[in-house]
Amino acid sequence: MSEEGPTLDEIAQALTFSQLTPQQWKLWKAEMRRAPQWFVLGRPGWGNERWRALAGPFNNPQEAQRAADSYADDGMRDGHLDLQCVYITQVKSLTETVRMFRNNLMQIAEDLDSMEAGSEVVPLPTPSGEEQTPASLAS
């Protein structure tokens, strides 16, 4: 997204799927087919934490997958599995992301904003003992 256009918060506030007319819904679906967008979602591999939007939108799934790979962590430390380090990621289209978030576009925008600010992210231990957040892995 360019900085000249509307912010994620403005888009999320303006777009309410339940209020779309059938014609607006058709136009939106056609635009998503023409130029789909992809997001990276992630969550710790333990517990029942919700999926969070980590990065996006991307223009193609390959680009999003590269980002997802940088956030993911298999939990292996010195030849042993540390479940506290496991971080799972997946790539989803905008439509799938909206469905997973139950049409809560504000939550998607808040997640992405918090990732840009570097907050609300589970720290991931590294083999050297330093802690990193998924946001710092991408830079």
Protein backbone atom coordinates (compact mmCIF):
# COMPACT_ATOMS: atom_id res chain seq x y z
CA MET A 1 0.00 0.00 0.00
CA SER A 2 1.26 3.46 -0.74
CA GLU A 3 1.41 6.14 1.91
CA GLU A 4 -0.58 8.46 -0.35
CA GLY A 5 -3.70 6.29 -0.18
CA PRO A 6 -5.99 5.69 2.77
CA THR A 7 -4.58 4.06 5.88
CA LEU A 8 -5.54 0.56 6.96
CA ASP A 9 -7.65 2.05 9.74
CA GLU A 10 -9.55 4.25 7.28
CA ILE A 11 -10.17 1.31 4.96
CA ALA A 12 -11.32 -0.91 7.83
CA GLN A 13 -13.67 1.79 9.13
CA ALA A 14 -15.17 2.41 5.69
CA LEU A 15 -15.56 -1.20 4.58
CA THR A 16 -18.40 -3.06 6.26
CA PHE A 17 -19.36 -6.15 4.30
CA SER A 18 -22.82 -6.43 5.81
CA GLN A 19 -23.68 -3.02 4.35
CA LEU A 20 -22.54 -3.69 0.80
CA THR A 21 -25.19 -3.66 -1.87
CA PRO A 22 -25.27 -6.66 -4.22
CA GLN A 23 -23.66 -4.49 -6.93
CA GLN A 24 -20.88 -3.33 -4.57
CA TRP A 25 -20.31 -6.94 -3.51
CA LYS A 26 -19.93 -7.98 -7.18
CA LEU A 27 -17.47 -5.15 -7.82
CA TRP A 28 -15.43 -6.04 -4.74
CA LYS A 29 -15.24 -9.73 -5.71
CA ALA A 30 -14.26 -8.81 -9.27
CA GLU A 31 -11.47 -6.55 -7.97
CA MET A 32 -10.19 -9.30 -5.66
CA ARG A 33 -10.07 -11.73 -8.61
CA ARG A 34 -8.32 -9.15 -10.80
CA ALA A 35 -5.70 -8.14 -8.24
CA PRO A 36 -5.73 -10.50 -5.24
CA GLN A 37 -3.88 -9.55 -2.11
CA TRP A 38 -2.14 -11.88 0.32
CA PHE A 39 -1.42 -11.67 4.04
CA VAL A 40 0.87 -13.51 6.44
CA LEU A 41 -0.82 -14.80 9.59
CA GLY A 42 0.98 -16.26 12.56
CA ARG A 43 0.59 -17.62 16.06
CA PRO A 44 2.65 -19.48 18.64
CA GLY A 45 2.63 -23.24 18.22
CA TRP A 46 1.51 -23.78 21.80
CA GLY A 47 -1.66 -22.72 23.59
CA ASN A 48 -4.81 -21.38 22.04
CA GLU A 49 -3.69 -17.93 20.97
CA ARG A 50 -5.49 -16.46 18.00
CA TRP A 51 -3.98 -15.99 14.57
CA ARG A 52 -2.54 -12.51 14.10
CA ALA A 53 -1.98 -10.60 10.89
CA LEU A 54 1.81 -10.22 10.67
CA ALA A 55 2.40 -8.68 7.25
CA GLY A 56 0.62 -7.65 4.09
CA PRO A 57 -0.83 -6.98 1.74
CA PHE A 58 1.40 -8.66 -0.82
CA ASN A 59 0.73 -8.79 -4.56
CA ASN A 60 1.46 -12.50 -4.92
CA PRO A 61 1.57 -15.56 -2.67
CA GLN A 62 5.26 -16.22 -3.35
CA GLU A 63 6.26 -12.84 -1.94
CA ALA A 64 4.00 -13.43 1.08
CA GLN A 65 5.48 -16.92 1.57
CA ARG A 66 9.01 -15.49 1.75
CA ALA A 67 7.85 -13.18 4.54
CA ALA A 68 6.00 -16.04 6.26
CA ASP A 69 9.15 -18.16 6.18
CA SER A 70 11.09 -15.38 7.92
CA TYR A 71 8.52 -15.27 10.76
CA ALA A 72 8.17 -19.05 11.19
CA ASP A 73 10.21 -20.97 13.75
CA ASP A 74 10.33 -24.76 13.99
CA GLY A 75 11.48 -24.63 17.62
CA MET A 76 14.71 -26.56 17.12
CA ARG A 77 17.47 -25.38 19.48
CA ASP A 78 20.77 -27.24 19.68
CA GLY A 79 19.21 -30.41 18.26
CA HIS A 80 16.25 -30.36 20.67
CA LEU A 81 12.67 -29.25 20.14
CA ASP A 82 11.66 -26.31 22.35
CA LEU A 83 7.87 -25.99 22.09
CA GLN A 84 8.02 -22.47 23.54
CA CYS A 85 9.92 -21.37 20.42
CA VAL A 86 7.55 -22.83 17.82
CA TYR A 87 5.87 -20.12 15.74
CA ILE A 88 3.48 -21.12 12.96
CA THR A 89 2.73 -18.98 9.92
CA GLN A 90 0.46 -19.27 6.92
CA VAL A 91 -0.32 -17.25 3.82
CA LYS A 92 -3.95 -16.37 3.17
CA SER A 93 -5.73 -14.31 0.56
CA LEU A 94 -7.51 -11.16 1.69
CA THR A 95 -10.83 -12.98 1.43
CA GLU A 96 -9.58 -15.89 3.56
CA THR A 97 -8.03 -13.48 6.06
CA VAL A 98 -11.27 -11.54 6.41
CA ARG A 99 -13.16 -14.81 6.89
CA MET A 100 -10.69 -16.03 9.55
CA PHE A 101 -11.05 -12.72 11.39
CA ARG A 102 -14.86 -12.97 11.14
CA ASN A 103 -15.08 -9.74 9.13
CA ASN A 104 -13.27 -7.83 11.88
CA LEU A 105 -11.20 -5.59 9.61
CA MET A 106 -10.27 -3.35 12.52
CA GLN A 107 -8.52 -6.30 14.19
CA ILE A 108 -6.52 -6.99 11.02
CA ALA A 109 -5.52 -3.31 10.83
CA GLU A 110 -4.60 -3.25 14.53
CA ASP A 111 -2.48 -6.40 14.20
CA LEU A 112 -0.60 -4.97 11.23
CA ASP A 113 -0.13 -1.63 12.99
CA SER A 114 1.22 -3.37 16.11
CA MET A 115 3.64 -5.37 13.94
CA GLU A 116 4.93 -2.15 12.36
CA ALA A 117 5.33 -0.64 15.83
CA GLY A 118 6.98 -3.83 17.12
CA SER A 119 4.49 -4.39 19.94
CA GLU A 120 2.19 -7.27 20.98
CA VAL A 121 4.48 -9.86 19.45
CA VAL A 122 5.61 -13.02 21.18
CA PRO A 123 9.41 -12.84 21.54
CA LEU A 124 11.22 -15.73 19.90
CA PRO A 125 14.40 -17.01 21.53
CA THR A 126 17.27 -17.48 19.10
CA PRO A 127 19.99 -20.13 19.32
CA SER A 128 22.39 -17.50 20.65
CA GLY A 129 20.04 -16.76 23.55
CA GLU A 130 19.05 -13.32 22.28
CA GLU A 131 15.38 -12.64 21.86
CA GLN A 132 13.86 -11.52 18.59
CA THR A 133 10.35 -10.67 17.55
CA PRO A 134 8.98 -11.81 14.21
CA ALA A 135 9.04 -8.14 13.11
CA SER A 136 12.78 -7.94 13.73
CA LEU A 137 13.34 -11.14 11.76
CA ALA A 138 11.89 -9.54 8.63
CA SER A 139 14.19 -6.53 8.69
